[in-house]
Amino acid sequence: MKKIFVLTLSIGMSTALLGAFPAAAQTDAGKTIAISPLTFEITANPGDVITNALRVFNPGEDTVAVAVHVEDFSPSGETGQAVVSAPESTTYSIVSWTSIENSELVLGPKEQAIVNHTIRVPFNAEPGGHYGAITAEVRSGAVTGGTGIAVSQKVASLLLVAVAGDVQESLTISDFVGPGNVVLDASAVKFASRFDNQGSVHLKPRGFVTITDTFGREIATVALDQKNVLPGSKRVIETTWQPEGFVIGRVNAQLTAIYGSTNEPLAATTSFWVIPMRIVGPVGGGLLLFLVFGFVFRKRFALAFSIFVRGQHTANK
């Protein structure tokens, strides 16, 4: 039976080779491994040979056996997850292009290993995006009840290869939405930008969200997170605005971005109302209480005012 592994990896995030390990796998027995970086973004020409290094680390206290493979992956959903499985089509696959030096590792506690991998781009490689993943799998002898299937966990480093040539770059914004029509708590306002890649190569939009108030004055500018959108897929990129100072009224947000080798422009807008209840609530409540108090005691106020006026009239005489 074909195994399918869902890897919660943000396509486009990467970590320096000597940095921390953001991805880790853990078995039921508590054995763990971590890898770095999470992503290799490579630009190549047909015929190129590219070698890179992946670091595999055992942060635990037990010795672990690790199997390293090259596999295919495809995007899952719109939040940057990847599914490692056999591909329906090999058009974008680089599994046959890629070789690794060390496929079986035994790592002691706190021990690490460097796994070199080489991509040999064919001379007849089709221009555009080609993809794969180097997976590190913790071997475990544990089995699930009665099935005889070994329990194992994987982490993966994604390989994003853009082969030069006649590449189609086509990215659109299919949706740009704010937090809703009315925001009552403006401590953190989130925007969601949905990008649709209909081209032949992965694209990473770059830009920012500009916030303006009712009078068109700029309040803030928030950078758009740079994340890859794979060909034939959609991806939602979230942007968070944390207002500084007092903001109330209608607010407009404009997304301005560029993508691709020729910096093609993209733009979208949305608007909403900001009513900060933490401030407006107490003020409104105090005003309401004052009006209710005045209504209930209006006759006494009127009588007191009348006596005050008559008293002044008598004194004048």
C-alpha atoms as a PDB file:
ATOM      1  CA  MET A   1       0.000   0.000   0.000  1.00  0.00           C
ATOM      2  CA  LYS A   2       1.304   3.426  -0.920  1.00  0.00           C
ATOM      3  CA  LYS A   3       2.071   5.587   2.086  1.00  0.00           C
ATOM      4  CA  ILE A   4       1.146   9.258   2.025  1.00  0.00           C
ATOM      5  CA  PHE A   5       2.738  11.668   4.474  1.00  0.00           C
ATOM      6  CA  VAL A   6       1.356  15.132   5.122  1.00  0.00           C
ATOM      7  CA  LEU A   7       4.134  17.540   6.021  1.00  0.00           C
ATOM      8  CA  THR A   8       3.169  20.798   7.661  1.00  0.00           C
ATOM      9  CA  LEU A   9       5.861  22.826   5.954  1.00  0.00           C
ATOM     10  CA  SER A  10       5.577  26.366   4.725  1.00  0.00           C
ATOM     11  CA  ILE A  11       6.638  26.229   1.086  1.00  0.00           C
ATOM     12  CA  GLY A  12       9.141  29.012   0.717  1.00  0.00           C
ATOM     13  CA  MET A  13      10.451  29.248   4.281  1.00  0.00           C
ATOM     14  CA  SER A  14      14.123  28.458   4.676  1.00  0.00           C
ATOM     15  CA  THR A  15      16.626  28.381   7.491  1.00  0.00           C
ATOM     16  CA  ALA A  16      20.366  28.848   7.350  1.00  0.00           C
ATOM     17  CA  LEU A  17      22.273  25.590   7.230  1.00  0.00           C
ATOM     18  CA  LEU A  18      23.995  26.308  10.526  1.00  0.00           C
ATOM     19  CA  GLY A  19      20.932  27.781  12.196  1.00  0.00           C
ATOM     20  CA  ALA A  20      18.236  26.288  14.379  1.00  0.00           C
ATOM     21  CA  PHE A  21      16.124  23.316  13.321  1.00  0.00           C
ATOM     22  CA  PRO A  22      12.540  24.369  12.604  1.00  0.00           C
ATOM     23  CA  ALA A  23      11.294  20.935  11.521  1.00  0.00           C
ATOM     24  CA  ALA A  24      11.344  17.812  13.652  1.00  0.00           C
ATOM     25  CA  ALA A  25       9.777  14.357  13.633  1.00  0.00           C
ATOM     26  CA  GLN A  26       8.973  12.282  16.676  1.00  0.00           C
ATOM     27  CA  THR A  27       7.912   8.660  16.988  1.00  0.00           C
ATOM     28  CA  ASP A  28       5.639   7.218  19.639  1.00  0.00           C
ATOM     29  CA  ALA A  29       8.798   5.985  21.350  1.00  0.00           C
ATOM     30  CA  GLY A  30       9.969   9.572  21.764  1.00  0.00           C
ATOM     31  CA  LYS A  31      12.804   9.413  19.227  1.00  0.00           C
ATOM     32  CA  THR A  32      13.223  12.621  17.279  1.00  0.00           C
ATOM     33  CA  ILE A  33      15.150  14.091  14.387  1.00  0.00           C
ATOM     34  CA  ALA A  34      15.377  17.573  12.945  1.00  0.00           C
ATOM     35  CA  ILE A  35      16.552  18.934   9.610  1.00  0.00           C
ATOM     36  CA  SER A  36      17.770  22.201   8.173  1.00  0.00           C
ATOM     37  CA  PRO A  37      17.116  24.004   5.908  1.00  0.00           C
ATOM     38  CA  LEU A  38      13.455  23.431   5.156  1.00  0.00           C
ATOM     39  CA  THR A  39      13.677  24.647   1.562  1.00  0.00           C
ATOM     40  CA  PHE A  40      16.216  24.850  -1.231  1.00  0.00           C
ATOM     41  CA  GLU A  41      15.338  27.398  -3.918  1.00  0.00           C
ATOM     42  CA  ILE A  42      17.499  26.748  -6.973  1.00  0.00           C
ATOM     43  CA  THR A  43      17.756  28.422 -10.371  1.00  0.00           C
ATOM     44  CA  ALA A  44      19.429  26.251 -13.005  1.00  0.00           C
ATOM     45  CA  ASN A  45      20.113  25.887 -16.710  1.00  0.00           C
ATOM     46  CA  PRO A  46      19.666  22.646 -18.651  1.00  0.00           C
ATOM     47  CA  GLY A  47      22.764  20.522 -18.096  1.00  0.00           C
ATOM     48  CA  ASP A  48      23.691  22.086 -14.741  1.00  0.00           C
ATOM     49  CA  VAL A  49      24.900  19.966 -11.821  1.00  0.00           C
ATOM     50  CA  ILE A  50      24.072  21.416  -8.401  1.00  0.00           C
ATOM     51  CA  THR A  51      25.214  20.001  -5.059  1.00  0.00           C
ATOM     52  CA  ASN A  52      23.855  21.148  -1.700  1.00  0.00           C
ATOM     53  CA  ALA A  53      24.054  19.921   1.877  1.00  0.00           C
ATOM     54  CA  LEU A  54      21.263  19.038   4.294  1.00  0.00           C
ATOM     55  CA  ARG A  55      21.884  18.764   8.026  1.00  0.00           C
ATOM     56  CA  VAL A  56      20.118  16.026  10.003  1.00  0.00           C
ATOM     57  CA  PHE A  57      20.281  16.272  13.792  1.00  0.00           C
ATOM     58  CA  ASN A  58      19.235  14.033  16.664  1.00  0.00           C
ATOM     59  CA  PRO A  59      18.219  16.301  19.571  1.00  0.00           C
ATOM     60  CA  GLY A  60      17.108  13.425  21.767  1.00  0.00           C
ATOM     61  CA  GLU A  61      18.797  11.149  24.290  1.00  0.00           C
ATOM     62  CA  ASP A  62      18.334   7.918  22.313  1.00  0.00           C
ATOM     63  CA  THR A  63      20.213   6.632  19.283  1.00  0.00           C
ATOM     64  CA  VAL A  64      18.071   6.774  16.143  1.00  0.00           C
ATOM     65  CA  ALA A  65      18.236   5.076  12.769  1.00  0.00           C
ATOM     66  CA  VAL A  66      17.318   7.422   9.950  1.00  0.00           C
ATOM     67  CA  ALA A  67      16.491   6.657   6.320  1.00  0.00           C
ATOM     68  CA  VAL A  68      16.981   9.487   3.810  1.00  0.00           C
ATOM     69  CA  HIS A  69      15.145   9.448   0.469  1.00  0.00           C
ATOM     70  CA  VAL A  70      14.275  11.673  -2.469  1.00  0.00           C
ATOM     71  CA  GLU A  71      10.516  11.817  -3.034  1.00  0.00           C
ATOM     72  CA  ASP A  72       7.886  13.805  -4.852  1.00  0.00           C
ATOM     73  CA  PHE A  73       5.493  16.222  -3.196  1.00  0.00           C
ATOM     74  CA  SER A  74       2.507  18.311  -4.123  1.00  0.00           C
ATOM     75  CA  PRO A  75       0.817  21.281  -2.412  1.00  0.00           C
ATOM     76  CA  SER A  76      -2.100  20.529  -0.120  1.00  0.00           C
ATOM     77  CA  GLY A  77      -4.717  23.166   0.674  1.00  0.00           C
ATOM     78  CA  GLU A  78      -3.964  26.878   0.537  1.00  0.00           C
ATOM     79  CA  THR A  79      -1.788  27.393   3.607  1.00  0.00           C
ATOM     80  CA  GLY A  80       1.567  26.024   2.426  1.00  0.00           C
ATOM     81  CA  GLN A  81       1.285  22.378   3.431  1.00  0.00           C
ATOM     82  CA  ALA A  82       2.901  19.709   1.257  1.00  0.00           C
ATOM     83  CA  VAL A  83       1.867  16.107   0.669  1.00  0.00           C
ATOM     84  CA  VAL A  84       4.706  13.683  -0.001  1.00  0.00           C
ATOM     85  CA  SER A  85       3.474  10.902  -2.275  1.00  0.00           C
ATOM     86  CA  ALA A  86       3.930   9.345  -5.683  1.00  0.00           C
ATOM     87  CA  PRO A  87       3.037  11.943  -8.337  1.00  0.00           C
ATOM     88  CA  GLU A  88       0.142  11.628 -10.760  1.00  0.00           C
ATOM     89  CA  SER A  89       2.452  13.087 -13.400  1.00  0.00           C
ATOM     90  CA  THR A  90       6.241  13.266 -13.603  1.00  0.00           C
ATOM     91  CA  THR A  91       6.198  16.569 -15.520  1.00  0.00           C
ATOM     92  CA  TYR A  92       7.417  18.546 -12.508  1.00  0.00           C
ATOM     93  CA  SER A  93       9.343  15.767 -10.712  1.00  0.00           C
ATOM     94  CA  ILE A  94      13.092  15.922 -10.028  1.00  0.00           C
ATOM     95  CA  VAL A  95      13.335  12.553  -8.274  1.00  0.00           C
ATOM     96  CA  SER A  96      15.120  10.998 -11.267  1.00  0.00           C
ATOM     97  CA  TRP A  97      17.508  13.980 -11.387  1.00  0.00           C
ATOM     98  CA  THR A  98      18.532  13.810  -7.718  1.00  0.00           C
ATOM     99  CA  SER A  99      20.935  11.537  -5.865  1.00  0.00           C
ATOM    100  CA  ILE A 100      22.027  11.497  -2.214  1.00  0.00           C
ATOM    101  CA  GLU A 101      25.278  10.301  -0.662  1.00  0.00           C
ATOM    102  CA  ASN A 102      24.033   8.873   2.649  1.00  0.00           C
ATOM    103  CA  SER A 103      20.687   7.096   2.565  1.00  0.00           C
ATOM    104  CA  GLU A 104      21.037   5.319   5.913  1.00  0.00           C
ATOM    105  CA  LEU A 105      22.169   7.116   9.062  1.00  0.00           C
ATOM    106  CA  VAL A 106      22.628   6.120  12.692  1.00  0.00           C
ATOM    107  CA  LEU A 107      22.757   9.174  14.951  1.00  0.00           C
ATOM    108  CA  GLY A 108      23.669   9.057  18.616  1.00  0.00           C
ATOM    109  CA  PRO A 109      22.299  11.527  21.183  1.00  0.00           C
ATOM    110  CA  LYS A 110      22.901  15.156  20.120  1.00  0.00           C
ATOM    111  CA  GLU A 111      24.715  13.911  17.013  1.00  0.00           C
ATOM    112  CA  GLN A 112      24.326  15.359  13.529  1.00  0.00           C
ATOM    113  CA  ALA A 113      25.173  14.332   9.978  1.00  0.00           C
ATOM    114  CA  ILE A 114      25.569  16.223   6.725  1.00  0.00           C
ATOM    115  CA  VAL A 115      23.759  14.687   3.763  1.00  0.00           C
ATOM    116  CA  ASN A 116      24.995  15.916   0.389  1.00  0.00           C
ATOM    117  CA  HIS A 117      22.572  15.720  -2.500  1.00  0.00           C
ATOM    118  CA  THR A 118      23.208  16.398  -6.180  1.00  0.00           C
ATOM    119  CA  ILE A 119      20.733  17.519  -8.832  1.00  0.00           C
ATOM    120  CA  ARG A 120      21.692  16.813 -12.439  1.00  0.00           C
ATOM    121  CA  VAL A 121      19.439  18.832 -14.707  1.00  0.00           C
ATOM    122  CA  PRO A 122      18.972  17.066 -18.073  1.00  0.00           C
ATOM    123  CA  PHE A 123      19.981  18.945 -21.193  1.00  0.00           C
ATOM    124  CA  ASN A 124      16.442  18.498 -22.502  1.00  0.00           C
ATOM    125  CA  ALA A 125      14.777  19.618 -19.239  1.00  0.00           C
ATOM    126  CA  GLU A 126      11.551  21.504 -19.790  1.00  0.00           C
ATOM    127  CA  PRO A 127      11.790  25.155 -18.712  1.00  0.00           C
ATOM    128  CA  GLY A 128       9.846  26.055 -15.596  1.00  0.00           C
ATOM    129  CA  GLY A 129       9.412  24.695 -12.095  1.00  0.00           C
ATOM    130  CA  HIS A 130      10.483  21.196 -11.055  1.00  0.00           C
ATOM    131  CA  TYR A 131      10.040  19.851  -7.547  1.00  0.00           C
ATOM    132  CA  GLY A 132      10.952  17.180  -5.053  1.00  0.00           C
ATOM    133  CA  ALA A 133      11.695  16.607  -1.378  1.00  0.00           C
ATOM    134  CA  ILE A 134      14.502  15.064   0.608  1.00  0.00           C
ATOM    135  CA  THR A 135      12.827  13.187   3.439  1.00  0.00           C
ATOM    136  CA  ALA A 136      14.422  11.961   6.652  1.00  0.00           C
ATOM    137  CA  GLU A 137      12.483   9.146   8.299  1.00  0.00           C
ATOM    138  CA  VAL A 138      12.927   7.858  11.834  1.00  0.00           C
ATOM    139  CA  ARG A 139      12.954   4.082  11.823  1.00  0.00           C
ATOM    140  CA  SER A 140      10.964   2.440  14.615  1.00  0.00           C
ATOM    141  CA  GLY A 141      10.287  -1.168  15.457  1.00  0.00           C
ATOM    142  CA  ALA A 142       6.943  -0.358  17.072  1.00  0.00           C
ATOM    143  CA  VAL A 143       3.845  -1.682  15.341  1.00  0.00           C
ATOM    144  CA  THR A 144       0.243  -0.665  15.533  1.00  0.00           C
ATOM    145  CA  GLY A 145      -2.197  -3.130  17.049  1.00  0.00           C
ATOM    146  CA  GLY A 146      -2.553  -6.184  14.838  1.00  0.00           C
ATOM    147  CA  THR A 147      -1.588  -4.520  11.573  1.00  0.00           C
ATOM    148  CA  GLY A 148       2.144  -5.195  11.518  1.00  0.00           C
ATOM    149  CA  ILE A 149       2.834  -1.748  10.057  1.00  0.00           C
ATOM    150  CA  ALA A 150       5.946  -0.088  11.444  1.00  0.00           C
ATOM    151  CA  VAL A 151       5.438   3.308  13.021  1.00  0.00           C
ATOM    152  CA  SER A 152       7.664   6.022  11.572  1.00  0.00           C
ATOM    153  CA  GLN A 153       7.704   9.776  11.160  1.00  0.00           C
ATOM    154  CA  LYS A 154       9.159  11.984   8.445  1.00  0.00           C
ATOM    155  CA  VAL A 155      10.433  15.485   8.026  1.00  0.00           C
ATOM    156  CA  ALA A 156      11.265  16.947   4.653  1.00  0.00           C
ATOM    157  CA  SER A 157      13.323  19.606   2.963  1.00  0.00           C
ATOM    158  CA  LEU A 158      11.653  20.846  -0.211  1.00  0.00           C
ATOM    159  CA  LEU A 159      13.589  21.262  -3.460  1.00  0.00           C
ATOM    160  CA  LEU A 160      12.238  24.048  -5.678  1.00  0.00           C
ATOM    161  CA  VAL A 161      14.124  24.144  -8.979  1.00  0.00           C
ATOM    162  CA  ALA A 162      13.431  26.757 -11.658  1.00  0.00           C
ATOM    163  CA  VAL A 163      14.902  25.724 -15.010  1.00  0.00           C
ATOM    164  CA  ALA A 164      15.693  28.677 -17.239  1.00  0.00           C
ATOM    165  CA  GLY A 165      14.095  29.043 -20.653  1.00  0.00           C
ATOM    166  CA  ASP A 166      10.710  29.991 -22.056  1.00  0.00           C
ATOM    167  CA  VAL A 167       8.895  30.102 -18.716  1.00  0.00           C
ATOM    168  CA  GLN A 168       5.280  31.170 -18.295  1.00  0.00           C
ATOM    169  CA  GLU A 169       4.801  33.469 -15.296  1.00  0.00           C
ATOM    170  CA  SER A 170       1.150  34.071 -14.473  1.00  0.00           C
ATOM    171  CA  LEU A 171      -0.035  35.064 -11.000  1.00  0.00           C
ATOM    172  CA  THR A 172      -3.317  36.704 -10.021  1.00  0.00           C
ATOM    173  CA  ILE A 173      -4.994  37.823  -6.802  1.00  0.00           C
ATOM    174  CA  SER A 174      -8.253  35.898  -6.615  1.00  0.00           C
ATOM    175  CA  ASP A 175      -9.248  37.379  -3.256  1.00  0.00           C
ATOM    176  CA  PHE A 176      -8.128  39.994  -0.739  1.00  0.00           C
ATOM    177  CA  VAL A 177     -10.211  40.244   2.411  1.00  0.00           C
ATOM    178  CA  GLY A 178     -10.006  41.985   5.747  1.00  0.00           C
ATOM    179  CA  PRO A 179     -11.392  41.007   9.149  1.00  0.00           C
ATOM    180  CA  GLY A 180     -15.052  41.709   8.244  1.00  0.00           C
ATOM    181  CA  ASN A 181     -17.350  44.692   7.942  1.00  0.00           C
ATOM    182  CA  VAL A 182     -16.802  45.922  11.497  1.00  0.00           C
ATOM    183  CA  VAL A 183     -13.783  45.473  13.779  1.00  0.00           C
ATOM    184  CA  LEU A 184     -14.501  45.905  17.491  1.00  0.00           C
ATOM    185  CA  ASP A 185     -11.063  44.854  18.746  1.00  0.00           C
ATOM    186  CA  ALA A 186      -8.384  46.535  16.648  1.00  0.00           C
ATOM    187  CA  SER A 187      -5.378  45.268  18.583  1.00  0.00           C
ATOM    188  CA  ALA A 188      -4.481  42.983  15.655  1.00  0.00           C
ATOM    189  CA  VAL A 189      -6.190  43.157  12.258  1.00  0.00           C
ATOM    190  CA  LYS A 190      -5.596  40.306   9.806  1.00  0.00           C
ATOM    191  CA  PHE A 191      -5.776  40.388   6.010  1.00  0.00           C
ATOM    192  CA  ALA A 192      -5.846  37.316   3.771  1.00  0.00           C
ATOM    193  CA  SER A 193      -4.484  37.493   0.232  1.00  0.00           C
ATOM    194  CA  ARG A 194      -5.264  34.535  -2.041  1.00  0.00           C
ATOM    195  CA  PHE A 195      -2.866  34.121  -4.968  1.00  0.00           C
ATOM    196  CA  ASP A 196      -3.549  31.864  -7.967  1.00  0.00           C
ATOM    197  CA  ASN A 197      -0.567  30.595  -9.989  1.00  0.00           C
ATOM    198  CA  GLN A 198      -1.511  29.514 -13.506  1.00  0.00           C
ATOM    199  CA  GLY A 199       2.055  29.604 -14.808  1.00  0.00           C
ATOM    200  CA  SER A 200       4.745  26.955 -15.216  1.00  0.00           C
ATOM    201  CA  VAL A 201       7.075  27.993 -12.375  1.00  0.00           C
ATOM    202  CA  HIS A 202       6.759  28.781  -8.671  1.00  0.00           C
ATOM    203  CA  LEU A 203       6.354  32.485  -7.934  1.00  0.00           C
ATOM    204  CA  LYS A 204       6.912  34.537  -4.802  1.00  0.00           C
ATOM    205  CA  PRO A 205       4.882  37.787  -4.684  1.00  0.00           C
ATOM    206  CA  ARG A 206       6.573  40.748  -3.009  1.00  0.00           C
ATOM    207  CA  GLY A 207       4.757  43.814  -1.750  1.00  0.00           C
ATOM    208  CA  PHE A 208       2.899  45.481   1.094  1.00  0.00           C
ATOM    209  CA  VAL A 209      -0.518  46.429   2.446  1.00  0.00           C
ATOM    210  CA  THR A 210      -1.141  50.156   2.870  1.00  0.00           C
ATOM    211  CA  ILE A 211      -3.712  51.249   5.474  1.00  0.00           C
ATOM    212  CA  THR A 212      -5.501  54.623   5.132  1.00  0.00           C
ATOM    213  CA  ASP A 213      -8.168  56.283   7.273  1.00  0.00           C
ATOM    214  CA  THR A 214     -11.499  57.884   6.316  1.00  0.00           C
ATOM    215  CA  PHE A 215      -9.759  61.010   5.013  1.00  0.00           C
ATOM    216  CA  GLY A 216      -7.262  59.083   2.885  1.00  0.00           C
ATOM    217  CA  ARG A 217      -4.351  59.642   5.243  1.00  0.00           C
ATOM    218  CA  GLU A 218      -1.837  56.796   5.435  1.00  0.00           C
ATOM    219  CA  ILE A 219      -1.874  55.094   8.832  1.00  0.00           C
ATOM    220  CA  ALA A 220       0.523  52.203   8.284  1.00  0.00           C
ATOM    221  CA  THR A 221       2.317  50.025   5.751  1.00  0.00           C
ATOM    222  CA  VAL A 222       2.744  46.302   6.429  1.00  0.00           C
ATOM    223  CA  ALA A 223       5.054  44.099   4.357  1.00  0.00           C
ATOM    224  CA  LEU A 224       3.604  41.043   2.646  1.00  0.00           C
ATOM    225  CA  ASP A 225       5.197  37.763   3.762  1.00  0.00           C
ATOM    226  CA  GLN A 226       7.228  36.346   0.870  1.00  0.00           C
ATOM    227  CA  LYS A 227       6.053  32.796   0.253  1.00  0.00           C
ATOM    228  CA  ASN A 228       6.125  30.612  -2.847  1.00  0.00           C
ATOM    229  CA  VAL A 229       3.026  29.716  -4.837  1.00  0.00           C
ATOM    230  CA  LEU A 230       3.495  26.530  -6.861  1.00  0.00           C
ATOM    231  CA  PRO A 231       2.227  26.137 -10.443  1.00  0.00           C
ATOM    232  CA  GLY A 232      -1.420  25.138 -10.692  1.00  0.00           C
ATOM    233  CA  SER A 233      -2.124  25.950  -7.044  1.00  0.00           C
ATOM    234  CA  LYS A 234      -3.575  28.681  -4.843  1.00  0.00           C
ATOM    235  CA  ARG A 235      -2.037  30.031  -1.672  1.00  0.00           C
ATOM    236  CA  VAL A 236      -3.352  32.256   1.090  1.00  0.00           C
ATOM    237  CA  ILE A 237      -0.828  34.646   2.616  1.00  0.00           C
ATOM    238  CA  GLU A 238      -1.849  36.393   5.834  1.00  0.00           C
ATOM    239  CA  THR A 239      -0.759  39.881   6.818  1.00  0.00           C
ATOM    240  CA  THR A 240      -1.267  41.293  10.327  1.00  0.00           C
ATOM    241  CA  TRP A 241      -1.632  44.992  11.105  1.00  0.00           C
ATOM    242  CA  GLN A 242      -1.209  46.088  14.720  1.00  0.00           C
ATOM    243  CA  PRO A 243      -2.568  49.660  14.939  1.00  0.00           C
ATOM    244  CA  GLU A 244      -0.657  52.233  16.909  1.00  0.00           C
ATOM    245  CA  GLY A 245      -2.635  54.986  18.585  1.00  0.00           C
ATOM    246  CA  PHE A 246      -6.358  55.643  18.363  1.00  0.00           C
ATOM    247  CA  VAL A 247      -8.110  54.506  15.164  1.00  0.00           C
ATOM    248  CA  ILE A 248     -11.835  54.846  14.552  1.00  0.00           C
ATOM    249  CA  GLY A 249     -14.034  55.035  11.484  1.00  0.00           C
ATOM    250  CA  ARG A 250     -13.864  53.595   7.990  1.00  0.00           C
ATOM    251  CA  VAL A 251     -10.477  52.130   7.081  1.00  0.00           C
ATOM    252  CA  ASN A 252      -9.221  51.233   3.612  1.00  0.00           C
ATOM    253  CA  ALA A 253      -6.496  48.673   2.854  1.00  0.00           C
ATOM    254  CA  GLN A 254      -4.698  48.345  -0.483  1.00  0.00           C
ATOM    255  CA  LEU A 255      -2.513  45.396  -1.421  1.00  0.00           C
ATOM    256  CA  THR A 256       0.247  46.300  -3.862  1.00  0.00           C
ATOM    257  CA  ALA A 257       2.595  43.568  -5.066  1.00  0.00           C
ATOM    258  CA  ILE A 258       4.906  42.483  -7.880  1.00  0.00           C
ATOM    259  CA  TYR A 259       5.991  39.049  -9.055  1.00  0.00           C
ATOM    260  CA  GLY A 260       8.209  37.264 -11.521  1.00  0.00           C
ATOM    261  CA  SER A 261      11.350  38.176 -13.406  1.00  0.00           C
ATOM    262  CA  THR A 262       9.731  41.259 -14.964  1.00  0.00           C
ATOM    263  CA  ASN A 263       8.118  42.560 -11.753  1.00  0.00           C
ATOM    264  CA  GLU A 264       4.535  42.306 -13.006  1.00  0.00           C
ATOM    265  CA  PRO A 265       2.186  44.391 -10.809  1.00  0.00           C
ATOM    266  CA  LEU A 266      -0.748  43.160  -8.732  1.00  0.00           C
ATOM    267  CA  ALA A 267      -3.248  45.199  -6.700  1.00  0.00           C
ATOM    268  CA  ALA A 268      -6.419  44.722  -4.663  1.00  0.00           C
ATOM    269  CA  THR A 269      -8.386  46.708  -2.074  1.00  0.00           C
ATOM    270  CA  THR A 270     -10.758  46.103   0.810  1.00  0.00           C
ATOM    271  CA  SER A 271     -12.392  48.275   3.479  1.00  0.00           C
ATOM    272  CA  PHE A 272     -14.044  47.958   6.883  1.00  0.00           C
ATOM    273  CA  TRP A 273     -15.075  49.951   9.951  1.00  0.00           C
ATOM    274  CA  VAL A 274     -13.026  50.154  13.131  1.00  0.00           C
ATOM    275  CA  ILE A 275     -14.977  50.789  16.326  1.00  0.00           C
ATOM    276  CA  PRO A 276     -12.640  50.219  19.310  1.00  0.00           C
ATOM    277  CA  MET A 277     -15.091  49.056  21.975  1.00  0.00           C
ATOM    278  CA  ARG A 278     -12.431  49.172  24.694  1.00  0.00           C
ATOM    279  CA  ILE A 279     -12.529  52.943  24.352  1.00  0.00           C
ATOM    280  CA  VAL A 280     -15.908  53.665  22.784  1.00  0.00           C
ATOM    281  CA  GLY A 281     -17.699  51.250  25.130  1.00  0.00           C
ATOM    282  CA  PRO A 282     -16.877  52.984  28.415  1.00  0.00           C
ATOM    283  CA  VAL A 283     -17.456  56.457  26.905  1.00  0.00           C
ATOM    284  CA  GLY A 284     -20.755  55.401  25.343  1.00  0.00           C
ATOM    285  CA  GLY A 285     -21.790  53.652  28.541  1.00  0.00           C
ATOM    286  CA  GLY A 286     -21.033  56.763  30.597  1.00  0.00           C
ATOM    287  CA  LEU A 287     -23.009  58.946  28.184  1.00  0.00           C
ATOM    288  CA  LEU A 288     -25.953  56.540  28.255  1.00  0.00           C
ATOM    289  CA  LEU A 289     -25.898  56.487  32.050  1.00  0.00           C
ATOM    290  CA  PHE A 290     -25.898  60.275  32.086  1.00  0.00           C
ATOM    291  CA  LEU A 291     -28.907  60.436  29.747  1.00  0.00           C
ATOM    292  CA  VAL A 292     -30.829  57.848  31.751  1.00  0.00           C
ATOM    293  CA  PHE A 293     -30.037  59.666  35.002  1.00  0.00           C
ATOM    294  CA  GLY A 294     -31.178  62.951  33.481  1.00  0.00           C
ATOM    295  CA  PHE A 295     -34.412  61.432  32.216  1.00  0.00           C
ATOM    296  CA  VAL A 296     -35.294  59.833  35.551  1.00  0.00           C
ATOM    297  CA  PHE A 297     -34.615  63.003  37.567  1.00  0.00           C
ATOM    298  CA  ARG A 298     -35.755  65.533  34.973  1.00  0.00           C
ATOM    299  CA  LYS A 299     -38.656  66.799  37.142  1.00  0.00           C
ATOM    300  CA  ARG A 300     -36.392  67.469  40.110  1.00  0.00           C
ATOM    301  CA  PHE A 301     -33.903  69.232  37.860  1.00  0.00           C
ATOM    302  CA  ALA A 302     -36.704  71.352  36.425  1.00  0.00           C
ATOM    303  CA  LEU A 303     -38.018  72.228  39.915  1.00  0.00           C
ATOM    304  CA  ALA A 304     -34.537  73.111  41.180  1.00  0.00           C
ATOM    305  CA  PHE A 305     -33.913  75.280  38.145  1.00  0.00           C
ATOM    306  CA  SER A 306     -37.268  77.034  38.639  1.00  0.00           C
ATOM    307  CA  ILE A 307     -36.522  77.782  42.310  1.00  0.00           C
ATOM    308  CA  PHE A 308     -33.066  79.031  41.330  1.00  0.00           C
ATOM    309  CA  VAL A 309     -34.541  81.415  38.741  1.00  0.00           C
ATOM    310  CA  ARG A 310     -37.283  82.701  41.096  1.00  0.00           C
ATOM    311  CA  GLY A 311     -34.755  83.231  43.835  1.00  0.00           C
ATOM    312  CA  GLN A 312     -32.597  85.342  41.556  1.00  0.00           C
ATOM    313  CA  HIS A 313     -35.658  87.367  40.463  1.00  0.00           C
ATOM    314  CA  THR A 314     -36.648  88.124  44.080  1.00  0.00           C
ATOM    315  CA  ALA A 315     -33.100  89.174  44.933  1.00  0.00           C
ATOM    316  CA  ASN A 316     -33.031  91.592  42.013  1.00  0.00           C
ATOM    317  CA  LYS A 317     -36.138  93.307  43.283  1.00  0.00           C
END
